[in-house]
Each structure stands twice: as structure tokens, then as C-alpha cells.
N, C-alpha and C. Protein backbone atom coordinates (compact mmCIF):
# COMPACT_ATOMS: atom_id res chain seq x y z
N UNK A 1 68.95 84.96 212.74
CA UNK A 1 70.24 85.31 212.18
C UNK A 1 70.04 85.71 210.73
N UNK A 2 70.65 86.82 210.36
CA UNK A 2 70.49 87.34 209.01
C UNK A 2 71.64 86.90 208.12
N UNK A 3 71.33 86.69 206.88
CA UNK A 3 72.35 86.33 205.90
C UNK A 3 72.42 87.44 204.84
N UNK A 4 73.59 87.63 204.32
CA UNK A 4 73.74 88.62 203.25
C UNK A 4 73.17 88.06 201.97
N UNK A 5 72.44 88.89 201.28
CA UNK A 5 71.82 88.46 200.03
C UNK A 5 72.72 88.88 198.86
N UNK A 6 73.64 88.01 198.51
CA UNK A 6 74.51 88.26 197.36
C UNK A 6 74.04 87.40 196.20
N UNK A 7 74.05 87.99 195.04
CA UNK A 7 73.82 87.19 193.85
C UNK A 7 75.04 87.32 192.94
N UNK A 8 74.99 86.68 191.82
CA UNK A 8 76.14 86.65 190.92
C UNK A 8 76.49 88.04 190.40
N UNK A 9 75.49 88.87 190.18
CA UNK A 9 75.74 90.21 189.65
C UNK A 9 76.46 91.08 190.68
N UNK A 10 76.13 90.95 191.95
CA UNK A 10 76.83 91.71 192.99
C UNK A 10 78.30 91.33 193.06
N UNK A 11 78.59 90.06 192.94
CA UNK A 11 79.97 89.60 192.95
C UNK A 11 80.71 90.12 191.71
N UNK A 12 80.03 90.17 190.58
CA UNK A 12 80.63 90.70 189.36
C UNK A 12 80.97 92.18 189.49
N UNK A 13 80.08 92.94 190.09
CA UNK A 13 80.38 94.36 190.30
C UNK A 13 81.54 94.55 191.26
N UNK A 14 81.60 93.72 192.29
CA UNK A 14 82.73 93.78 193.22
C UNK A 14 84.04 93.45 192.50
N UNK A 15 84.00 92.47 191.61
CA UNK A 15 85.20 92.12 190.84
C UNK A 15 85.62 93.26 189.92
N UNK A 16 84.66 93.94 189.31
CA UNK A 16 84.99 95.04 188.42
C UNK A 16 85.66 96.18 189.18
N UNK A 17 85.12 96.54 190.32
CA UNK A 17 85.71 97.62 191.11
C UNK A 17 87.09 97.22 191.62
N UNK A 18 87.22 95.98 192.07
CA UNK A 18 88.52 95.50 192.55
C UNK A 18 89.55 95.50 191.44
N UNK A 19 89.14 95.11 190.26
CA UNK A 19 90.06 95.08 189.12
C UNK A 19 90.55 96.48 188.78
N UNK A 20 89.66 97.45 188.78
CA UNK A 20 90.06 98.82 188.48
C UNK A 20 91.03 99.35 189.53
N UNK A 21 90.74 99.08 190.79
CA UNK A 21 91.62 99.54 191.87
C UNK A 21 93.00 98.88 191.76
N UNK A 22 93.02 97.59 191.47
CA UNK A 22 94.30 96.89 191.35
C UNK A 22 95.11 97.38 190.15
N UNK A 23 94.44 97.66 189.04
CA UNK A 23 95.17 98.18 187.87
C UNK A 23 95.74 99.56 188.13
N UNK A 24 94.98 100.41 188.80
CA UNK A 24 95.50 101.74 189.14
C UNK A 24 96.69 101.61 190.08
N UNK A 25 96.58 100.72 191.07
CA UNK A 25 97.68 100.53 192.01
C UNK A 25 98.92 100.00 191.31
N UNK A 26 98.74 99.06 190.40
CA UNK A 26 99.91 98.51 189.70
C UNK A 26 100.58 99.55 188.82
N UNK A 27 99.80 100.46 188.25
CA UNK A 27 100.40 101.51 187.44
C UNK A 27 101.11 102.55 188.29
N UNK A 28 100.57 102.83 189.48
CA UNK A 28 101.23 103.80 190.35
C UNK A 28 102.51 103.24 190.96
N UNK A 29 102.60 101.92 191.08
CA UNK A 29 103.80 101.29 191.63
C UNK A 29 104.80 100.90 190.55
N UNK A 30 104.54 101.28 189.32
CA UNK A 30 105.44 100.94 188.22
C UNK A 30 106.81 101.58 188.44
N UNK A 31 107.86 100.94 187.98
CA UNK A 31 109.22 101.45 188.23
C UNK A 31 109.50 102.81 187.61
N UNK A 32 108.82 103.18 186.53
CA UNK A 32 109.13 104.46 185.92
C UNK A 32 108.50 105.63 186.66
N UNK A 33 107.76 105.38 187.74
CA UNK A 33 107.28 106.45 188.61
C UNK A 33 108.18 106.64 189.81
N UNK A 34 109.28 105.91 189.89
CA UNK A 34 110.24 106.08 190.96
C UNK A 34 109.92 105.31 192.23
N UNK A 35 109.01 104.37 192.18
CA UNK A 35 108.65 103.59 193.36
C UNK A 35 109.40 102.26 193.36
N UNK A 36 110.70 102.32 193.36
CA UNK A 36 111.52 101.11 193.28
C UNK A 36 111.65 100.40 194.63
N UNK A 37 111.31 101.05 195.74
CA UNK A 37 111.52 100.47 197.06
C UNK A 37 110.31 99.68 197.57
N UNK A 38 109.29 99.54 196.76
CA UNK A 38 108.09 98.81 197.19
C UNK A 38 108.37 97.31 197.14
N UNK A 39 107.81 96.59 198.09
CA UNK A 39 108.05 95.16 198.20
C UNK A 39 107.09 94.36 197.32
N UNK A 40 106.00 94.98 196.89
CA UNK A 40 104.98 94.27 196.12
C UNK A 40 105.49 93.88 194.73
N UNK A 41 105.02 92.75 194.27
CA UNK A 41 105.36 92.28 192.92
C UNK A 41 104.32 92.86 191.95
N UNK A 42 104.73 93.84 191.15
CA UNK A 42 103.81 94.56 190.28
C UNK A 42 103.26 93.64 189.20
N UNK A 43 104.07 92.72 188.68
CA UNK A 43 103.62 91.81 187.63
C UNK A 43 102.50 90.90 188.15
N UNK A 44 102.67 90.39 189.35
CA UNK A 44 101.63 89.53 189.93
C UNK A 44 100.36 90.33 190.22
N UNK A 45 100.52 91.58 190.64
CA UNK A 45 99.36 92.43 190.89
C UNK A 45 98.58 92.68 189.61
N UNK A 46 99.29 92.89 188.51
CA UNK A 46 98.60 93.08 187.23
C UNK A 46 97.90 91.81 186.77
N UNK A 47 98.52 90.66 187.00
CA UNK A 47 97.89 89.39 186.61
C UNK A 47 96.59 89.18 187.38
N UNK A 48 96.62 89.47 188.67
CA UNK A 48 95.40 89.34 189.49
C UNK A 48 94.34 90.33 189.02
N UNK A 49 94.74 91.55 188.69
CA UNK A 49 93.80 92.57 188.22
C UNK A 49 93.15 92.15 186.90
N UNK A 50 93.95 91.67 185.98
CA UNK A 50 93.40 91.23 184.69
C UNK A 50 92.50 90.00 184.88
N UNK A 51 92.90 89.11 185.76
CA UNK A 51 92.07 87.92 186.04
C UNK A 51 90.73 88.28 186.63
N UNK A 52 90.70 89.23 187.56
CA UNK A 52 89.42 89.63 188.12
C UNK A 52 88.58 90.39 187.10
N UNK A 53 89.23 91.12 186.21
CA UNK A 53 88.50 91.78 185.13
C UNK A 53 87.88 90.78 184.17
N UNK A 54 88.63 89.72 183.86
CA UNK A 54 88.08 88.68 182.99
C UNK A 54 86.94 87.93 183.67
N UNK A 55 87.05 87.71 184.98
CA UNK A 55 85.96 87.06 185.71
C UNK A 55 84.71 87.93 185.67
N UNK A 56 84.87 89.25 185.79
CA UNK A 56 83.73 90.15 185.66
C UNK A 56 83.11 90.05 184.27
N UNK A 57 83.94 90.00 183.23
CA UNK A 57 83.40 89.90 181.87
C UNK A 57 82.63 88.60 181.67
N UNK A 58 83.10 87.51 182.27
CA UNK A 58 82.38 86.24 182.17
C UNK A 58 81.03 86.34 182.87
N UNK A 59 81.01 86.96 184.05
CA UNK A 59 79.75 87.12 184.77
C UNK A 59 78.79 88.04 184.00
N UNK A 60 79.33 89.08 183.38
CA UNK A 60 78.49 89.98 182.58
C UNK A 60 77.93 89.25 181.36
N UNK A 61 78.75 88.39 180.74
CA UNK A 61 78.26 87.62 179.59
C UNK A 61 77.15 86.65 180.02
N UNK A 62 77.30 86.04 181.18
CA UNK A 62 76.25 85.15 181.69
C UNK A 62 74.97 85.94 181.93
N UNK A 63 75.11 87.13 182.50
CA UNK A 63 73.93 87.95 182.78
C UNK A 63 73.25 88.38 181.49
N UNK A 64 74.02 88.77 180.48
CA UNK A 64 73.45 89.18 179.20
C UNK A 64 72.76 88.02 178.52
N UNK A 65 73.37 86.84 178.56
CA UNK A 65 72.74 85.67 177.94
C UNK A 65 71.45 85.27 178.69
N UNK A 66 71.40 85.50 179.99
CA UNK A 66 70.18 85.21 180.73
C UNK A 66 69.07 86.19 180.39
N UNK A 67 69.47 87.45 180.14
CA UNK A 67 68.45 88.44 179.76
C UNK A 67 67.92 88.18 178.36
N UNK A 68 68.80 87.83 177.44
CA UNK A 68 68.38 87.58 176.05
C UNK A 68 67.60 86.28 175.94
N UNK A 69 68.08 85.24 176.58
CA UNK A 69 67.46 83.92 176.44
C UNK A 69 66.45 83.68 177.43
């Protein structure tokens, strides 16, 4: 049986891409673009996007400190 070989950097890259996609989606669903009939909570979507972006920055800082130290 094979296992996926994920390390911390792969998860960080996934978080970065997810954050960018979520931020773009939240901006496209903003009320000033005329998308008032969407059921999604745009504020919560932005909070999740910023949180995943911050998680990526933490992982990148860990990686940089491991390279330097």
C-alpha cells in the first residue's frame, strides 16, 4: 500500500493556492459586483482566506528559519 509523501512545504503551497482562490472568489461575490443573490457569507470566506494565507506565511517562516539555522 502506498502513502502520499507530503511534507510541511507541500501543505504550505496548497494553503497559498487555496488562499488566493478564496480571495478571488470573495472579491467576485462582493455586493458591488451585483451578486446579491448568492447564499455564501462573503465575510466568512474572506476570514478563511486570510487565515490560510497567514498559515502559509507561518510555514514559510519555519522553512526559512530551517534553511538559515
